Amino acid sequence: MLGATPVLWVSSPVYLLACVAASATVFFLAHVPQSRESLLLRFDAVELALFAVLGADKALDIGAGPVAAVAMGVVTATLGGVVRDVLSGESPAILSREIYATAALAGAVVFVLFLGADVPRETAMVTGFVVALAIRFGTLHWNWSLPRYGQPSGDT
């Protein structure tokens, strides 16, 4: 989307290998029905947190401003989950009250803010990752959700 060349996973195949490893793990553990959904959601939470920070970092690397970097972090983190949900016939998590994109947003914002405060890149990355992961894990464990927009109650 940002016109970066070469494509990140082509120049650094570790990302592609991580995807293949995750896919193989899911394939071989899919027969464990009682823990499959919970396990998949936790893997997804790790992916969401990781790609929120990596997407923002890549955007900054190619010269995007802080706001664009945060937006790219959120898009990078959430788009894979949307595609997964659509292909599996599920309603995308991003469209529910469940805290999903907000976790990615928080992680990307923390990462960009820390970099702006001259915190070392590795520390900023780990902190952004942990913030996004903690929010997403909290959502999964305690069923956190965002409030729905309601019709204003009032006199008309």
C-alpha atoms as a PDB file:
ATOM      1  CA  MET A   1       0.000   0.000   0.000  1.00  0.00           C
ATOM      2  CA  LEU A   2       2.876   2.363   0.659  1.00  0.00           C
ATOM      3  CA  GLY A   3       4.776   1.470  -2.491  1.00  0.00           C
ATOM      4  CA  ALA A   4       7.623  -0.144  -0.578  1.00  0.00           C
ATOM      5  CA  THR A   5       9.880  -2.362  -2.649  1.00  0.00           C
ATOM      6  CA  PRO A   6      10.806  -5.075  -2.286  1.00  0.00           C
ATOM      7  CA  VAL A   7       7.919  -6.756  -0.565  1.00  0.00           C
ATOM      8  CA  LEU A   8       8.895  -7.374   3.058  1.00  0.00           C
ATOM      9  CA  TRP A   9       8.382 -11.151   3.090  1.00  0.00           C
ATOM     10  CA  VAL A  10      10.365 -11.504  -0.143  1.00  0.00           C
ATOM     11  CA  SER A  11      13.425  -9.691   1.195  1.00  0.00           C
ATOM     12  CA  SER A  12      13.142 -11.228   4.670  1.00  0.00           C
ATOM     13  CA  PRO A  13      11.631 -14.724   4.411  1.00  0.00           C
ATOM     14  CA  VAL A  14      11.438 -15.141   8.192  1.00  0.00           C
ATOM     15  CA  TYR A  15       7.904 -13.652   8.045  1.00  0.00           C
ATOM     16  CA  LEU A  16       6.773 -16.160   5.446  1.00  0.00           C
ATOM     17  CA  LEU A  17       8.381 -19.001   7.393  1.00  0.00           C
ATOM     18  CA  ALA A  18       6.552 -17.868  10.542  1.00  0.00           C
ATOM     19  CA  CYS A  19       3.249 -17.994   8.629  1.00  0.00           C
ATOM     20  CA  VAL A  20       4.025 -21.456   7.289  1.00  0.00           C
ATOM     21  CA  ALA A  21       4.967 -22.669  10.781  1.00  0.00           C
ATOM     22  CA  ALA A  22       1.733 -21.260  12.232  1.00  0.00           C
ATOM     23  CA  SER A  23      -0.312 -22.848   9.436  1.00  0.00           C
ATOM     24  CA  ALA A  24       1.365 -26.233   9.946  1.00  0.00           C
ATOM     25  CA  THR A  25       0.770 -26.030  13.698  1.00  0.00           C
ATOM     26  CA  VAL A  26      -2.910 -25.278  13.199  1.00  0.00           C
ATOM     27  CA  PHE A  27      -3.209 -28.049  10.615  1.00  0.00           C
ATOM     28  CA  PHE A  28      -1.775 -30.662  12.956  1.00  0.00           C
ATOM     29  CA  LEU A  29      -3.668 -29.432  16.034  1.00  0.00           C
ATOM     30  CA  ALA A  30      -7.040 -28.959  14.306  1.00  0.00           C
ATOM     31  CA  HIS A  31      -8.265 -32.327  15.552  1.00  0.00           C
ATOM     32  CA  VAL A  32      -8.193 -31.129  19.167  1.00  0.00           C
ATOM     33  CA  PRO A  33     -11.697 -29.649  19.243  1.00  0.00           C
ATOM     34  CA  GLN A  34     -11.957 -28.594  22.868  1.00  0.00           C
ATOM     35  CA  SER A  35      -8.955 -26.272  22.730  1.00  0.00           C
ATOM     36  CA  ARG A  36      -8.807 -25.422  19.039  1.00  0.00           C
ATOM     37  CA  GLU A  37     -10.782 -22.183  19.070  1.00  0.00           C
ATOM     38  CA  SER A  38      -9.093 -20.891  22.199  1.00  0.00           C
ATOM     39  CA  LEU A  39      -5.663 -21.764  20.829  1.00  0.00           C
ATOM     40  CA  LEU A  40      -6.395 -20.157  17.471  1.00  0.00           C
ATOM     41  CA  LEU A  41      -7.637 -16.970  19.116  1.00  0.00           C
ATOM     42  CA  ARG A  42      -4.451 -16.730  21.170  1.00  0.00           C
ATOM     43  CA  PHE A  43      -2.260 -17.261  18.102  1.00  0.00           C
ATOM     44  CA  ASP A  44      -4.326 -14.588  16.388  1.00  0.00           C
ATOM     45  CA  ALA A  45      -3.737 -12.239  19.334  1.00  0.00           C
ATOM     46  CA  VAL A  46       0.025 -12.717  18.992  1.00  0.00           C
ATOM     47  CA  GLU A  47      -0.224 -12.075  15.234  1.00  0.00           C
ATOM     48  CA  LEU A  48      -2.320  -8.960  15.809  1.00  0.00           C
ATOM     49  CA  ALA A  49       0.132  -7.499  18.311  1.00  0.00           C
ATOM     50  CA  LEU A  50       3.179  -8.383  16.218  1.00  0.00           C
ATOM     51  CA  PHE A  51       1.874  -6.982  12.942  1.00  0.00           C
ATOM     52  CA  ALA A  52       0.549  -3.797  14.571  1.00  0.00           C
ATOM     53  CA  VAL A  53       4.104  -2.944  15.573  1.00  0.00           C
ATOM     54  CA  LEU A  54       5.790  -4.291  12.430  1.00  0.00           C
ATOM     55  CA  GLY A  55       3.363  -2.458  10.143  1.00  0.00           C
ATOM     56  CA  ALA A  56       3.937   0.828  11.948  1.00  0.00           C
ATOM     57  CA  ASP A  57       7.697   0.272  11.950  1.00  0.00           C
ATOM     58  CA  LYS A  58       7.787  -0.464   8.216  1.00  0.00           C
ATOM     59  CA  ALA A  59       5.727   2.647   7.472  1.00  0.00           C
ATOM     60  CA  LEU A  60       8.120   4.790   9.508  1.00  0.00           C
ATOM     61  CA  ASP A  61      11.105   3.164   7.780  1.00  0.00           C
ATOM     62  CA  ILE A  62       9.895   4.291   4.376  1.00  0.00           C
ATOM     63  CA  GLY A  63       9.186   7.842   5.500  1.00  0.00           C
ATOM     64  CA  ALA A  64       5.534   7.868   6.551  1.00  0.00           C
ATOM     65  CA  GLY A  65       4.544  10.233   9.331  1.00  0.00           C
ATOM     66  CA  PRO A  66       3.446   9.050  12.770  1.00  0.00           C
ATOM     67  CA  VAL A  67      -0.298   9.129  12.020  1.00  0.00           C
ATOM     68  CA  ALA A  68       0.112   7.192   8.769  1.00  0.00           C
ATOM     69  CA  ALA A  69       2.411   4.728  10.549  1.00  0.00           C
ATOM     70  CA  VAL A  70      -0.215   4.038  13.215  1.00  0.00           C
ATOM     71  CA  ALA A  71      -2.884   3.602  10.530  1.00  0.00           C
ATOM     72  CA  MET A  72      -0.679   1.181   8.603  1.00  0.00           C
ATOM     73  CA  GLY A  73       0.027  -0.749  11.801  1.00  0.00           C
ATOM     74  CA  VAL A  74      -3.704  -1.186  12.392  1.00  0.00           C
ATOM     75  CA  VAL A  75      -4.402  -2.143   8.772  1.00  0.00           C
ATOM     76  CA  THR A  76      -1.483  -4.585   8.686  1.00  0.00           C
ATOM     77  CA  ALA A  77      -2.585  -6.198  11.935  1.00  0.00           C
ATOM     78  CA  THR A  78      -6.291  -6.493  11.214  1.00  0.00           C
ATOM     79  CA  LEU A  79      -6.517  -7.263   7.496  1.00  0.00           C
ATOM     80  CA  GLY A  80      -5.260 -10.835   7.861  1.00  0.00           C
ATOM     81  CA  GLY A  81      -7.922 -11.573  10.466  1.00  0.00           C
ATOM     82  CA  VAL A  82     -10.639 -10.114   8.243  1.00  0.00           C
ATOM     83  CA  VAL A  83      -9.549 -12.301   5.322  1.00  0.00           C
ATOM     84  CA  ARG A  84      -9.394 -15.360   7.589  1.00  0.00           C
ATOM     85  CA  ASP A  85     -12.878 -14.730   8.973  1.00  0.00           C
ATOM     86  CA  VAL A  86     -14.428 -14.096   5.568  1.00  0.00           C
ATOM     87  CA  LEU A  87     -12.847 -17.216   4.066  1.00  0.00           C
ATOM     88  CA  SER A  88     -14.057 -19.324   6.983  1.00  0.00           C
ATOM     89  CA  GLY A  89     -17.594 -17.961   6.711  1.00  0.00           C
ATOM     90  CA  GLU A  90     -17.442 -16.092  10.008  1.00  0.00           C
ATOM     91  CA  SER A  91     -18.368 -12.495  10.695  1.00  0.00           C
ATOM     92  CA  PRO A  92     -15.084 -10.545  10.910  1.00  0.00           C
ATOM     93  CA  ALA A  93     -14.021  -9.882  14.505  1.00  0.00           C
ATOM     94  CA  ILE A  94     -13.267  -6.290  13.595  1.00  0.00           C
ATOM     95  CA  LEU A  95     -16.996  -5.733  12.992  1.00  0.00           C
ATOM     96  CA  SER A  96     -18.060  -6.960  16.427  1.00  0.00           C
ATOM     97  CA  ARG A  97     -18.063  -5.294  19.809  1.00  0.00           C
ATOM     98  CA  GLU A  98     -15.044  -7.392  20.703  1.00  0.00           C
ATOM     99  CA  ILE A  99     -11.858  -5.377  21.183  1.00  0.00           C
ATOM    100  CA  TYR A 100      -9.745  -6.220  18.134  1.00  0.00           C
ATOM    101  CA  ALA A 101      -8.670  -3.207  16.088  1.00  0.00           C
ATOM    102  CA  THR A 102      -8.472  -1.163  19.273  1.00  0.00           C
ATOM    103  CA  ALA A 103      -5.763  -3.485  20.603  1.00  0.00           C
ATOM    104  CA  ALA A 104      -3.783  -3.038  17.380  1.00  0.00           C
ATOM    105  CA  LEU A 105      -4.309   0.719  17.565  1.00  0.00           C
ATOM    106  CA  ALA A 106      -3.045   0.859  21.141  1.00  0.00           C
ATOM    107  CA  GLY A 107       0.068  -1.178  20.324  1.00  0.00           C
ATOM    108  CA  ALA A 108       0.903   0.898  17.245  1.00  0.00           C
ATOM    109  CA  VAL A 109       0.338   4.182  19.104  1.00  0.00           C
ATOM    110  CA  VAL A 110       2.555   3.125  22.009  1.00  0.00           C
ATOM    111  CA  PHE A 111       5.287   2.031  19.596  1.00  0.00           C
ATOM    112  CA  VAL A 112       5.196   5.289  17.617  1.00  0.00           C
ATOM    113  CA  LEU A 113       5.032   7.435  20.769  1.00  0.00           C
ATOM    114  CA  PHE A 114       7.975   5.618  22.324  1.00  0.00           C
ATOM    115  CA  LEU A 115      10.030   6.060  19.164  1.00  0.00           C
ATOM    116  CA  GLY A 116       9.115   9.743  19.157  1.00  0.00           C
ATOM    117  CA  ALA A 117      10.377   9.964  22.737  1.00  0.00           C
ATOM    118  CA  ASP A 118      13.751   8.525  21.625  1.00  0.00           C
ATOM    119  CA  VAL A 119      13.197   5.190  23.333  1.00  0.00           C
ATOM    120  CA  PRO A 120      15.373   2.523  21.666  1.00  0.00           C
ATOM    121  CA  ARG A 121      13.549   0.841  18.749  1.00  0.00           C
ATOM    122  CA  GLU A 122      13.676  -2.644  20.306  1.00  0.00           C
ATOM    123  CA  THR A 123      12.212  -1.382  23.582  1.00  0.00           C
ATOM    124  CA  ALA A 124       9.480   0.511  21.720  1.00  0.00           C
ATOM    125  CA  MET A 125       8.659  -2.581  19.663  1.00  0.00           C
ATOM    126  CA  VAL A 126       8.461  -4.887  22.654  1.00  0.00           C
ATOM    127  CA  THR A 127       6.383  -2.375  24.624  1.00  0.00           C
ATOM    128  CA  GLY A 128       3.919  -1.816  21.758  1.00  0.00           C
ATOM    129  CA  PHE A 129       3.668  -5.570  21.246  1.00  0.00           C
ATOM    130  CA  VAL A 130       3.022  -6.221  24.954  1.00  0.00           C
ATOM    131  CA  VAL A 131       0.366  -3.476  25.155  1.00  0.00           C
ATOM    132  CA  ALA A 132      -1.547  -4.837  22.139  1.00  0.00           C
ATOM    133  CA  LEU A 133      -1.176  -8.428  23.327  1.00  0.00           C
ATOM    134  CA  ALA A 134      -2.287  -7.607  26.886  1.00  0.00           C
ATOM    135  CA  ILE A 135      -5.403  -5.842  25.619  1.00  0.00           C
ATOM    136  CA  ARG A 136      -6.277  -8.670  23.243  1.00  0.00           C
ATOM    137  CA  PHE A 137      -5.610 -11.382  25.847  1.00  0.00           C
ATOM    138  CA  GLY A 138      -7.689  -9.391  28.351  1.00  0.00           C
ATOM    139  CA  THR A 139     -10.500  -9.299  25.812  1.00  0.00           C
ATOM    140  CA  LEU A 140     -10.333 -13.052  25.324  1.00  0.00           C
ATOM    141  CA  HIS A 141     -10.087 -13.842  29.039  1.00  0.00           C
ATOM    142  CA  TRP A 142     -12.540 -11.336  30.533  1.00  0.00           C
ATOM    143  CA  ASN A 143     -14.822 -10.803  27.512  1.00  0.00           C
ATOM    144  CA  TRP A 144     -14.073  -7.096  27.297  1.00  0.00           C
ATOM    145  CA  SER A 145     -16.038  -5.273  24.648  1.00  0.00           C
ATOM    146  CA  LEU A 146     -16.600  -1.766  23.397  1.00  0.00           C
ATOM    147  CA  PRO A 147     -19.912  -0.047  24.008  1.00  0.00           C
ATOM    148  CA  ARG A 148     -22.361   0.069  21.135  1.00  0.00           C
ATOM    149  CA  TYR A 149     -23.475   3.338  19.696  1.00  0.00           C
ATOM    150  CA  GLY A 150     -26.988   3.926  20.890  1.00  0.00           C
ATOM    151  CA  GLN A 151     -29.757   6.131  19.743  1.00  0.00           C
ATOM    152  CA  PRO A 152     -29.743   9.329  21.748  1.00  0.00           C
ATOM    153  CA  SER A 153     -32.456   9.340  24.307  1.00  0.00           C
ATOM    154  CA  GLY A 154     -34.036  12.666  24.528  1.00  0.00           C
ATOM    155  CA  ASP A 155     -36.897  14.825  23.674  1.00  0.00           C
ATOM    156  CA  THR A 156     -37.576  15.387  20.013  1.00  0.00           C
END
